[in-house]
Amino acid sequence: MNALTDIIGRLLRGLLRILLALAGLVFLVSLMLAGVIAVALLSLWALLTGRKPAPVMVFQRFRQTSSRYGAWSGGGRSAGGDVVDVQAQEVPEGPAPRVEPPGAAREP
């Protein structure tokens, strides 16, 4: 009797593993299918409206900005053209002096 319950238990565990693997596979395939449908609909909408999709525009602007300021590409800045050497000076402690904007009228 013990051997029979062991065999049935093994069969049920194996069947459960196969069932869970199939459920995971169905979930993965449906997720991929949803992604393909979303990309197809966004591409169709872009073709109909004549504008690029928003995610494409975000990454395109990011690449333009990073290449302009040389964040990762190393481009954008010349070797020594825009480097300014300044002398450091101490800032006194205390309240900051009030600076009037240019063209502001002073009170008498």
PDB file of N, CA and C in Angstrom:
ATOM      1  N   MET A   1       0.815  -1.195   0.000  1.00  0.00           N
ATOM      2  CA  MET A   1       0.000   0.000   0.000  1.00  0.00           C
ATOM      3  C   MET A   1       0.859   1.260   0.000  1.00  0.00           C
ATOM      4  N   ASN A   2       1.984   1.220   0.703  1.00  0.00           N
ATOM      5  CA  ASN A   2       2.874   2.358   0.784  1.00  0.00           C
ATOM      6  C   ASN A   2       3.497   2.677  -0.569  1.00  0.00           C
ATOM      7  N   ALA A   3       3.858   1.655  -1.322  1.00  0.00           N
ATOM      8  CA  ALA A   3       4.460   1.858  -2.642  1.00  0.00           C
ATOM      9  C   ALA A   3       3.438   2.465  -3.609  1.00  0.00           C
ATOM     10  N   LEU A   4       2.194   2.060  -3.474  1.00  0.00           N
ATOM     11  CA  LEU A   4       1.140   2.591  -4.348  1.00  0.00           C
ATOM     12  C   LEU A   4       0.900   4.080  -4.086  1.00  0.00           C
ATOM     13  N   THR A   5       0.890   4.487  -2.828  1.00  0.00           N
ATOM     14  CA  THR A   5       0.689   5.916  -2.527  1.00  0.00           C
ATOM     15  C   THR A   5       1.890   6.746  -2.954  1.00  0.00           C
ATOM     16  N   ASP A   6       3.101   6.161  -2.882  1.00  0.00           N
ATOM     17  CA  ASP A   6       4.290   6.879  -3.358  1.00  0.00           C
ATOM     18  C   ASP A   6       4.210   7.128  -4.864  1.00  0.00           C
ATOM     19  N   ILE A   7       3.793   6.130  -5.599  1.00  0.00           N
ATOM     20  CA  ILE A   7       3.684   6.265  -7.062  1.00  0.00           C
ATOM     21  C   ILE A   7       2.616   7.306  -7.411  1.00  0.00           C
ATOM     22  N   ILE A   8       1.488   7.258  -6.747  1.00  0.00           N
ATOM     23  CA  ILE A   8       0.411   8.227  -7.008  1.00  0.00           C
ATOM     24  C   ILE A   8       0.868   9.633  -6.635  1.00  0.00           C
ATOM     25  N   GLY A   9       1.575   9.773  -5.522  1.00  0.00           N
ATOM     26  CA  GLY A   9       2.086  11.079  -5.110  1.00  0.00           C
ATOM     27  C   GLY A   9       3.075  11.639  -6.108  1.00  0.00           C
ATOM     28  N   ARG A  10       3.981  10.786  -6.610  1.00  0.00           N
ATOM     29  CA  ARG A  10       4.940  11.225  -7.625  1.00  0.00           C
ATOM     30  C   ARG A  10       4.233  11.650  -8.910  1.00  0.00           C
ATOM     31  N   LEU A  11       3.242  10.876  -9.296  1.00  0.00           N
ATOM     32  CA  LEU A  11       2.501  11.216 -10.519  1.00  0.00           C
ATOM     33  C   LEU A  11       1.764  12.558 -10.354  1.00  0.00           C
ATOM     34  N   LEU A  12       1.148  12.749  -9.197  1.00  0.00           N
ATOM     35  CA  LEU A  12       0.437  14.008  -8.974  1.00  0.00           C
ATOM     36  C   LEU A  12       1.397  15.201  -8.924  1.00  0.00           C
ATOM     37  N   ARG A  13       2.564  15.028  -8.275  1.00  0.00           N
ATOM     38  CA  ARG A  13       3.554  16.114  -8.239  1.00  0.00           C
ATOM     39  C   ARG A  13       4.076  16.435  -9.629  1.00  0.00           C
ATOM     40  N   GLY A  14       4.339  15.408 -10.404  1.00  0.00           N
ATOM     41  CA  GLY A  14       4.814  15.613 -11.778  1.00  0.00           C
ATOM     42  C   GLY A  14       3.758  16.306 -12.627  1.00  0.00           C
ATOM     43  N   LEU A  15       2.505  15.876 -12.456  1.00  0.00           N
ATOM     44  CA  LEU A  15       1.411  16.500 -13.199  1.00  0.00           C
ATOM     45  C   LEU A  15       1.233  17.964 -12.806  1.00  0.00           C
ATOM     46  N   LEU A  16       1.378  18.250 -11.493  1.00  0.00           N
ATOM     47  CA  LEU A  16       1.271  19.631 -11.019  1.00  0.00           C
ATOM     48  C   LEU A  16       2.401  20.498 -11.577  1.00  0.00           C
ATOM     49  N   ARG A  17       3.620  19.949 -11.623  1.00  0.00           N
ATOM     50  CA  ARG A  17       4.740  20.704 -12.204  1.00  0.00           C
ATOM     51  C   ARG A  17       4.496  21.014 -13.677  1.00  0.00           C
ATOM     52  N   ILE A  18       4.038  20.022 -14.406  1.00  0.00           N
ATOM     53  CA  ILE A  18       3.757  20.233 -15.835  1.00  0.00           C
ATOM     54  C   ILE A  18       2.656  21.271 -16.006  1.00  0.00           C
ATOM     55  N   LEU A  19       1.625  21.196 -15.184  1.00  0.00           N
ATOM     56  CA  LEU A  19       0.518  22.154 -15.255  1.00  0.00           C
ATOM     57  C   LEU A  19       0.988  23.578 -14.959  1.00  0.00           C
ATOM     58  N   LEU A  20       1.825  23.745 -13.923  1.00  0.00           N
ATOM     59  CA  LEU A  20       2.345  25.070 -13.592  1.00  0.00           C
ATOM     60  C   LEU A  20       3.292  25.600 -14.673  1.00  0.00           C
ATOM     61  N   ALA A  21       4.097  24.726 -15.261  1.00  0.00           N
ATOM     62  CA  ALA A  21       4.983  25.140 -16.352  1.00  0.00           C
ATOM     63  C   ALA A  21       4.165  25.607 -17.558  1.00  0.00           C
ATOM     64  N   LEU A  22       3.094  24.879 -17.869  1.00  0.00           N
ATOM     65  CA  LEU A  22       2.230  25.279 -18.972  1.00  0.00           C
ATOM     66  C   LEU A  22       1.532  26.612 -18.680  1.00  0.00           C
ATOM     67  N   ALA A  23       1.096  26.818 -17.433  1.00  0.00           N
ATOM     68  CA  ALA A  23       0.452  28.082 -17.066  1.00  0.00           C
ATOM     69  C   ALA A  23       1.445  29.236 -17.204  1.00  0.00           C
ATOM     70  N   GLY A  24       2.681  29.024 -16.770  1.00  0.00           N
ATOM     71  CA  GLY A  24       3.707  30.050 -16.929  1.00  0.00           C
ATOM     72  C   GLY A  24       4.006  30.336 -18.383  1.00  0.00           C
ATOM     73  N   LEU A  25       4.037  29.298 -19.203  1.00  0.00           N
ATOM     74  CA  LEU A  25       4.277  29.468 -20.633  1.00  0.00           C
ATOM     75  C   LEU A  25       3.138  30.240 -21.299  1.00  0.00           C
ATOM     76  N   VAL A  26       1.912  29.928 -20.925  1.00  0.00           N
ATOM     77  CA  VAL A  26       0.758  30.662 -21.473  1.00  0.00           C
ATOM     78  C   VAL A  26       0.817  32.124 -21.060  1.00  0.00           C
ATOM     79  N   PHE A  27       1.190  32.391 -19.797  1.00  0.00           N
ATOM     80  CA  PHE A  27       1.312  33.774 -19.335  1.00  0.00           C
ATOM     81  C   PHE A  27       2.395  34.516 -20.112  1.00  0.00           C
ATOM     82  N   LEU A  28       3.550  33.883 -20.306  1.00  0.00           N
ATOM     83  CA  LEU A  28       4.651  34.513 -21.040  1.00  0.00           C
ATOM     84  C   LEU A  28       4.262  34.801 -22.486  1.00  0.00           C
ATOM     85  N   VAL A  29       3.632  33.854 -23.134  1.00  0.00           N
ATOM     86  CA  VAL A  29       3.220  34.050 -24.533  1.00  0.00           C
ATOM     87  C   VAL A  29       2.168  35.152 -24.631  1.00  0.00           C
ATOM     88  N   SER A  30       1.226  35.191 -23.696  1.00  0.00           N
ATOM     89  CA  SER A  30       0.196  36.237 -23.758  1.00  0.00           C
ATOM     90  C   SER A  30       0.803  37.611 -23.481  1.00  0.00           C
ATOM     91  N   LEU A  31       1.787  37.681 -22.596  1.00  0.00           N
ATOM     92  CA  LEU A  31       2.465  38.951 -22.333  1.00  0.00           C
ATOM     93  C   LEU A  31       3.224  39.426 -23.561  1.00  0.00           C
ATOM     94  N   MET A  32       3.904  38.521 -24.221  1.00  0.00           N
ATOM     95  CA  MET A  32       4.625  38.883 -25.449  1.00  0.00           C
ATOM     96  C   MET A  32       3.652  39.296 -26.556  1.00  0.00           C
ATOM     97  N   LEU A  33       2.554  38.613 -26.662  1.00  0.00           N
ATOM     98  CA  LEU A  33       1.551  38.952 -27.673  1.00  0.00           C
ATOM     99  C   LEU A  33       0.961  40.328 -27.403  1.00  0.00           C
ATOM    100  N   ALA A  34       0.705  40.640 -26.136  1.00  0.00           N
ATOM    101  CA  ALA A  34       0.193  41.973 -25.793  1.00  0.00           C
ATOM    102  C   ALA A  34       1.208  43.047 -26.156  1.00  0.00           C
ATOM    103  N   GLY A  35       2.496  42.780 -25.935  1.00  0.00           N
ATOM    104  CA  GLY A  35       3.532  43.733 -26.313  1.00  0.00           C
ATOM    105  C   GLY A  35       3.597  43.944 -27.818  1.00  0.00           C
ATOM    106  N   VAL A  36       3.506  42.873 -28.573  1.00  0.00           N
ATOM    107  CA  VAL A  36       3.527  42.977 -30.041  1.00  0.00           C
ATOM    108  C   VAL A  36       2.312  43.757 -30.534  1.00  0.00           C
ATOM    109  N   ILE A  37       1.154  43.504 -29.961  1.00  0.00           N
ATOM    110  CA  ILE A  37      -0.055  44.239 -30.368  1.00  0.00           C
ATOM    111  C   ILE A  37       0.076  45.711 -30.020  1.00  0.00           C
ATOM    112  N   ALA A  38       0.633  46.032 -28.848  1.00  0.00           N
ATOM    113  CA  ALA A  38       0.803  47.438 -28.466  1.00  0.00           C
ATOM    114  C   ALA A  38       1.767  48.145 -29.400  1.00  0.00           C
ATOM    115  N   VAL A  39       2.864  47.495 -29.763  1.00  0.00           N
ATOM    116  CA  VAL A  39       3.828  48.105 -30.694  1.00  0.00           C
ATOM    117  C   VAL A  39       3.194  48.290 -32.064  1.00  0.00           C
ATOM    118  N   ALA A  40       2.426  47.311 -32.506  1.00  0.00           N
ATOM    119  CA  ALA A  40       1.773  47.423 -33.815  1.00  0.00           C
ATOM    120  C   ALA A  40       0.754  48.571 -33.822  1.00  0.00           C
ATOM    121  N   LEU A  41      -0.024  48.699 -32.757  1.00  0.00           N
ATOM    122  CA  LEU A  41      -1.004  49.784 -32.702  1.00  0.00           C
ATOM    123  C   LEU A  41      -0.328  51.152 -32.618  1.00  0.00           C
ATOM    124  N   LEU A  42       0.760  51.258 -31.837  1.00  0.00           N
ATOM    125  CA  LEU A  42       1.483  52.528 -31.764  1.00  0.00           C
ATOM    126  C   LEU A  42       2.110  52.885 -33.109  1.00  0.00           C
ATOM    127  N   SER A  43       2.636  51.890 -33.804  1.00  0.00           N
ATOM    128  CA  SER A  43       3.220  52.145 -35.125  1.00  0.00           C
ATOM    129  C   SER A  43       2.153  52.572 -36.123  1.00  0.00           C
ATOM    130  N   LEU A  44       1.005  51.918 -36.076  1.00  0.00           N
ATOM    131  CA  LEU A  44      -0.095  52.296 -36.965  1.00  0.00           C
ATOM    132  C   LEU A  44      -0.577  53.711 -36.665  1.00  0.00           C
ATOM    133  N   TRP A  45      -0.700  54.046 -35.382  1.00  0.00           N
ATOM    134  CA  TRP A  45      -1.124  55.394 -34.988  1.00  0.00           C
ATOM    135  C   TRP A  45      -0.094  56.428 -35.447  1.00  0.00           C
ATOM    136  N   ALA A  46       1.183  56.099 -35.343  1.00  0.00           N
ATOM    137  CA  ALA A  46       2.230  57.015 -35.784  1.00  0.00           C
ATOM    138  C   ALA A  46       2.169  57.223 -37.298  1.00  0.00           C
ATOM    139  N   LEU A  47       1.876  56.176 -38.025  1.00  0.00           N
ATOM    140  CA  LEU A  47       1.760  56.312 -39.479  1.00  0.00           C
ATOM    141  C   LEU A  47       0.542  57.140 -39.872  1.00  0.00           C
ATOM    142  N   LEU A  48      -0.563  56.962 -39.146  1.00  0.00           N
ATOM    143  CA  LEU A  48      -1.776  57.709 -39.476  1.00  0.00           C
ATOM    144  C   LEU A  48      -1.648  59.191 -39.114  1.00  0.00           C
ATOM    145  N   THR A  49      -1.023  59.500 -37.992  1.00  0.00           N
ATOM    146  CA  THR A  49      -0.918  60.895 -37.561  1.00  0.00           C
ATOM    147  C   THR A  49       0.308  61.595 -38.136  1.00  0.00           C
ATOM    148  N   GLY A  50       1.298  60.846 -38.585  1.00  0.00           N
ATOM    149  CA  GLY A  50       2.496  61.451 -39.151  1.00  0.00           C
ATOM    150  C   GLY A  50       3.494  61.913 -38.099  1.00  0.00           C
ATOM    151  N   ARG A  51       3.294  61.533 -36.848  1.00  0.00           N
ATOM    152  CA  ARG A  51       4.216  61.906 -35.764  1.00  0.00           C
ATOM    153  C   ARG A  51       4.843  60.652 -35.174  1.00  0.00           C
ATOM    154  N   LYS A  52       6.039  60.830 -34.629  1.00  0.00           N
ATOM    155  CA  LYS A  52       6.693  59.707 -33.976  1.00  0.00           C
ATOM    156  C   LYS A  52       6.014  59.441 -32.639  1.00  0.00           C
ATOM    157  N   PRO A  53       6.028  58.192 -32.195  1.00  0.00           N
ATOM    158  CA  PRO A  53       5.450  57.893 -30.881  1.00  0.00           C
ATOM    159  C   PRO A  53       6.225  58.600 -29.765  1.00  0.00           C
ATOM    160  N   ALA A  54       5.556  58.879 -28.668  1.00  0.00           N
ATOM    161  CA  ALA A  54       6.161  59.627 -27.558  1.00  0.00           C
ATOM    162  C   ALA A  54       7.407  58.945 -26.989  1.00  0.00           C
ATOM    163  N   PRO A  55       7.439  57.628 -26.770  1.00  0.00           N
ATOM    164  CA  PRO A  55       8.670  57.043 -26.233  1.00  0.00           C
ATOM    165  C   PRO A  55       9.871  57.235 -27.158  1.00  0.00           C
ATOM    166  N   VAL A  56       9.651  57.190 -28.454  1.00  0.00           N
ATOM    167  CA  VAL A  56      10.747  57.406 -29.403  1.00  0.00           C
ATOM    168  C   VAL A  56      11.256  58.831 -29.290  1.00  0.00           C
ATOM    169  N   MET A  57      10.342  59.784 -29.146  1.00  0.00           N
ATOM    170  CA  MET A  57      10.743  61.187 -29.031  1.00  0.00           C
ATOM    171  C   MET A  57      11.524  61.437 -27.742  1.00  0.00           C
ATOM    172  N   VAL A  58      11.144  60.799 -26.658  1.00  0.00           N
ATOM    173  CA  VAL A  58      11.849  60.996 -25.384  1.00  0.00           C
ATOM    174  C   VAL A  58      13.287  60.523 -25.513  1.00  0.00           C
ATOM    175  N   PHE A  59      13.504  59.335 -26.064  1.00  0.00           N
ATOM    176  CA  PHE A  59      14.864  58.824 -26.182  1.00  0.00           C
ATOM    177  C   PHE A  59      15.662  59.592 -27.223  1.00  0.00           C
ATOM    178  N   GLN A  60      15.006  60.086 -28.263  1.00  0.00           N
ATOM    179  CA  GLN A  60      15.706  60.880 -29.267  1.00  0.00           C
ATOM    180  C   GLN A  60      16.175  62.200 -28.652  1.00  0.00           C
ATOM    181  N   ARG A  61      15.337  62.858 -27.857  1.00  0.00           N
ATOM    182  CA  ARG A  61      15.747  64.096 -27.195  1.00  0.00           C
ATOM    183  C   ARG A  61      16.848  63.829 -26.173  1.00  0.00           C
ATOM    184  N   PHE A  62      16.772  62.711 -25.479  1.00  0.00           N
ATOM    185  CA  PHE A  62      17.804  62.362 -24.516  1.00  0.00           C
ATOM    186  C   PHE A  62      19.156  62.186 -25.213  1.00  0.00           C
ATOM    187  N   ARG A  63      19.161  61.502 -26.347  1.00  0.00           N
ATOM    188  CA  ARG A  63      20.418  61.318 -27.078  1.00  0.00           C
ATOM    189  C   ARG A  63      20.957  62.639 -27.597  1.00  0.00           C
ATOM    190  N   GLN A  64      20.094  63.529 -28.102  1.00  0.00           N
ATOM    191  CA  GLN A  64      20.540  64.821 -28.586  1.00  0.00           C
ATOM    192  C   GLN A  64      21.136  65.648 -27.455  1.00  0.00           C
ATOM    193  N   THR A  65      20.472  65.656 -26.307  1.00  0.00           N
ATOM    194  CA  THR A  65      20.968  66.440 -25.174  1.00  0.00           C
ATOM    195  C   THR A  65      22.281  65.874 -24.659  1.00  0.00           C
ATOM    196  N   SER A  66      22.378  64.558 -24.541  1.00  0.00           N
ATOM    197  CA  SER A  66      23.616  63.975 -24.032  1.00  0.00           C
ATOM    198  C   SER A  66      24.766  64.185 -25.002  1.00  0.00           C
ATOM    199  N   SER A  67      24.507  64.172 -26.302  1.00  0.00           N
ATOM    200  CA  SER A  67      25.593  64.420 -27.246  1.00  0.00           C
ATOM    201  C   SER A  67      25.970  65.897 -27.267  1.00  0.00           C
ATOM    202  N   ARG A  68      25.014  66.784 -27.001  1.00  0.00           N
ATOM    203  CA  ARG A  68      25.314  68.219 -26.979  1.00  0.00           C
ATOM    204  C   ARG A  68      26.211  68.571 -25.801  1.00  0.00           C
ATOM    205  N   TYR A  69      25.907  68.006 -24.626  1.00  0.00           N
ATOM    206  CA  TYR A  69      26.664  68.343 -23.433  1.00  0.00           C
ATOM    207  C   TYR A  69      27.749  67.328 -23.104  1.00  0.00           C
ATOM    208  N   GLY A  70      27.869  66.298 -23.910  1.00  0.00           N
ATOM    209  CA  GLY A  70      28.955  65.340 -23.727  1.00  0.00           C
ATOM    210  C   GLY A  70      28.831  64.494 -22.491  1.00  0.00           C
ATOM    211  N   ALA A  71      27.639  64.083 -22.150  1.00  0.00           N
ATOM    212  CA  ALA A  71      27.450  63.317 -20.921  1.00  0.00           C
ATOM    213  C   ALA A  71      28.129  61.952 -21.002  1.00  0.00           C
ATOM    214  N   TRP A  72      27.878  61.167 -22.044  1.00  0.00           N
ATOM    215  CA  TRP A  72      28.482  59.850 -22.148  1.00  0.00           C
ATOM    216  C   TRP A  72      29.342  59.706 -23.387  1.00  0.00           C
ATOM    217  N   SER A  73      29.043  60.465 -24.408  1.00  0.00           N
ATOM    218  CA  SER A  73      29.734  60.254 -25.669  1.00  0.00           C
ATOM    219  C   SER A  73      31.089  60.927 -25.723  1.00  0.00           C
ATOM    220  N   GLY A  74      31.360  61.874 -24.834  1.00  0.00           N
ATOM    221  CA  GLY A  74      32.621  62.581 -24.874  1.00  0.00           C
ATOM    222  C   GLY A  74      32.611  63.716 -25.886  1.00  0.00           C
ATOM    223  N   GLY A  75      31.541  63.879 -26.601  1.00  0.00           N
ATOM    224  CA  GLY A  75      31.453  64.938 -27.594  1.00  0.00           C
ATOM    225  C   GLY A  75      30.813  66.174 -27.020  1.00  0.00           C
ATOM    226  N   GLY A  76      30.715  67.186 -27.831  1.00  0.00           N
ATOM    227  CA  GLY A  76      30.028  68.396 -27.401  1.00  0.00           C
ATOM    228  C   GLY A  76      30.949  69.462 -26.875  1.00  0.00           C
ATOM    229  N   ARG A  77      31.964  69.102 -26.084  1.00  0.00           N
ATOM    230  CA  ARG A  77      32.878  70.087 -25.522  1.00  0.00           C
ATOM    231  C   ARG A  77      34.235  69.940 -26.181  1.00  0.00           C
ATOM    232  N   SER A  78      34.852  71.050 -26.472  1.00  0.00           N
ATOM    233  CA  SER A  78      36.192  71.002 -27.034  1.00  0.00           C
ATOM    234  C   SER A  78      37.191  70.780 -25.911  1.00  0.00           C
ATOM    235  N   ALA A  79      38.427  70.481 -26.282  1.00  0.00           N
ATOM    236  CA  ALA A  79      39.433  70.102 -25.287  1.00  0.00           C
ATOM    237  C   ALA A  79      39.743  71.230 -24.311  1.00  0.00           C
ATOM    238  N   GLY A  80      39.836  72.454 -24.771  1.00  0.00           N
ATOM    239  CA  GLY A  80      40.176  73.517 -23.844  1.00  0.00           C
ATOM    240  C   GLY A  80      39.509  74.830 -24.173  1.00  0.00           C
ATOM    241  N   GLY A  81      38.571  74.846 -25.084  1.00  0.00           N
ATOM    242  CA  GLY A  81      37.975  76.095 -25.530  1.00  0.00           C
ATOM    243  C   GLY A  81      37.051  76.744 -24.529  1.00  0.00           C
ATOM    244  N   ASP A  82      36.313  76.001 -23.764  1.00  0.00           N
ATOM    245  CA  ASP A  82      35.347  76.611 -22.864  1.00  0.00           C
ATOM    246  C   ASP A  82      35.678  76.379 -21.393  1.00  0.00           C
ATOM    247  N   VAL A  83      36.972  76.214 -21.087  1.00  0.00           N
ATOM    248  CA  VAL A  83      37.410  76.077 -19.702  1.00  0.00           C
ATOM    249  C   VAL A  83      37.879  77.443 -19.220  1.00  0.00           C
ATOM    250  N   VAL A  84      37.359  77.904 -18.095  1.00  0.00           N
ATOM    251  CA  VAL A  84      37.705  79.214 -17.551  1.00  0.00           C
ATOM    252  C   VAL A  84      38.381  79.001 -16.206  1.00  0.00           C
ATOM    253  N   ASP A  85      39.559  79.598 -16.033  1.00  0.00           N
ATOM    254  CA  ASP A  85      40.280  79.487 -14.775  1.00  0.00           C
ATOM    255  C   ASP A  85      39.971  80.715 -13.937  1.00  0.00           C
ATOM    256  N   VAL A  86      39.510  80.508 -12.712  1.00  0.00           N
ATOM    257  CA  VAL A  86      39.152  81.631 -11.852  1.00  0.00           C
ATOM    258  C   VAL A  86      39.913  81.514 -10.538  1.00  0.00           C
ATOM    259  N   GLN A  87      40.033  82.628  -9.837  1.00  0.00           N
ATOM    260  CA  GLN A  87      40.649  82.655  -8.529  1.00  0.00           C
ATOM    261  C   GLN A  87      39.562  82.453  -7.476  1.00  0.00           C
ATOM    262  N   ALA A  88      39.830  81.598  -6.519  1.00  0.00           N
ATOM    263  CA  ALA A  88      38.875  81.356  -5.445  1.00  0.00           C
ATOM    264  C   ALA A  88      39.005  82.459  -4.409  1.00  0.00           C
ATOM    265  N   GLN A  89      37.904  82.859  -3.827  1.00  0.00           N
ATOM    266  CA  GLN A  89      37.946  83.858  -2.758  1.00  0.00           C
ATOM    267  C   GLN A  89      36.974  83.437  -1.670  1.00  0.00           C
ATOM    268  N   GLU A  90      37.264  83.847  -0.455  1.00  0.00           N
ATOM    269  CA  GLU A  90      36.424  83.478   0.678  1.00  0.00           C
ATOM    270  C   GLU A  90      35.152  84.302   0.688  1.00  0.00           C
ATOM    271  N   VAL A  91      34.066  83.665   1.097  1.00  0.00           N
ATOM    272  CA  VAL A  91      32.790  84.349   1.218  1.00  0.00           C
ATOM    273  C   VAL A  91      32.570  84.616   2.698  1.00  0.00           C
ATOM    274  N   PRO A  92      32.356  85.884   3.073  1.00  0.00           N
ATOM    275  CA  PRO A  92      32.182  86.174   4.506  1.00  0.00           C
ATOM    276  C   PRO A  92      30.871  85.592   5.018  1.00  0.00           C
ATOM    277  N   GLU A  93      30.900  85.175   6.296  1.00  0.00           N
ATOM    278  CA  GLU A  93      29.681  84.645   6.898  1.00  0.00           C
ATOM    279  C   GLU A  93      28.769  85.786   7.291  1.00  0.00           C
ATOM    280  N   GLY A  94      27.524  85.501   7.446  1.00  0.00           N
ATOM    281  CA  GLY A  94      26.563  86.523   7.823  1.00  0.00           C
ATOM    282  C   GLY A  94      25.456  86.594   6.795  1.00  0.00           C
ATOM    283  N   PRO A  95      24.554  87.577   6.969  1.00  0.00           N
ATOM    284  CA  PRO A  95      23.447  87.682   6.003  1.00  0.00           C
ATOM    285  C   PRO A  95      23.974  88.085   4.636  1.00  0.00           C
ATOM    286  N   ALA A  96      23.341  87.530   3.643  1.00  0.00           N
ATOM    287  CA  ALA A  96      23.744  87.840   2.277  1.00  0.00           C
ATOM    288  C   ALA A  96      23.345  89.271   1.941  1.00  0.00           C
ATOM    289  N   PRO A  97      24.216  90.003   1.236  1.00  0.00           N
ATOM    290  CA  PRO A  97      23.850  91.373   0.857  1.00  0.00           C
ATOM    291  C   PRO A  97      22.690  91.351  -0.125  1.00  0.00           C
ATOM    292  N   ARG A  98      21.846  92.343  -0.030  1.00  0.00           N
ATOM    293  CA  ARG A  98      20.682  92.436  -0.911  1.00  0.00           C
ATOM    294  C   ARG A  98      21.125  93.027  -2.238  1.00  0.00           C
ATOM    295  N   VAL A  99      20.797  92.334  -3.290  1.00  0.00           N
ATOM    296  CA  VAL A  99      21.182  92.775  -4.633  1.00  0.00           C
ATOM    297  C   VAL A  99      19.919  93.199  -5.357  1.00  0.00           C
ATOM    298  N   GLU A 100      19.933  94.451  -5.809  1.00  0.00           N
ATOM    299  CA  GLU A 100      18.777  94.970  -6.560  1.00  0.00           C
ATOM    300  C   GLU A 100      18.905  94.571  -8.016  1.00  0.00           C
ATOM    301  N   PRO A 101      17.807  94.171  -8.628  1.00  0.00           N
ATOM    302  CA  PRO A 101      17.863  93.863 -10.062  1.00  0.00           C
ATOM    303  C   PRO A 101      18.085  95.143 -10.848  1.00  0.00           C
ATOM    304  N   PRO A 102      18.722  95.028 -12.009  1.00  0.00           N
ATOM    305  CA  PRO A 102      18.958  96.224 -12.824  1.00  0.00           C
ATOM    306  C   PRO A 102      17.658  96.903 -13.205  1.00  0.00           C
ATOM    307  N   GLY A 103      17.624  98.210 -13.078  1.00  0.00           N
ATOM    308  CA  GLY A 103      16.444  98.989 -13.478  1.00  0.00           C
ATOM    309  C   GLY A 103      15.397  99.083 -12.391  1.00  0.00           C
ATOM    310  N   ALA A 104      15.650  98.532 -11.213  1.00  0.00           N
ATOM    311  CA  ALA A 104      14.684  98.604 -10.126  1.00  0.00           C
ATOM    312  C   ALA A 104      14.789  99.963  -9.446  1.00  0.00           C
ATOM    313  N   ALA A 105      13.665 100.533  -9.109  1.00  0.00           N
ATOM    314  CA  ALA A 105      13.659 101.843  -8.459  1.00  0.00           C
ATOM    315  C   ALA A 105      13.977 101.674  -6.994  1.00  0.00           C
ATOM    316  N   ARG A 106      14.832 102.545  -6.461  1.00  0.00           N
ATOM    317  CA  ARG A 106      15.191 102.504  -5.042  1.00  0.00           C
ATOM    318  C   ARG A 106      14.242 103.403  -4.261  1.00  0.00           C
ATOM    319  N   GLU A 107      13.960 102.980  -3.025  1.00  0.00           N
ATOM    320  CA  GLU A 107      13.095 103.792  -2.171  1.00  0.00           C
ATOM    321  C   GLU A 107      13.928 104.883  -1.519  1.00  0.00           C
ATOM    322  N   PRO A 108      13.363 106.114  -1.377  1.00  0.00           N
ATOM    323  CA  PRO A 108      14.154 107.213  -0.770  1.00  0.00           C
ATOM    324  C   PRO A 108      14.291 107.112   0.712  1.00  0.00           C
TER     325      PRO A 108
END
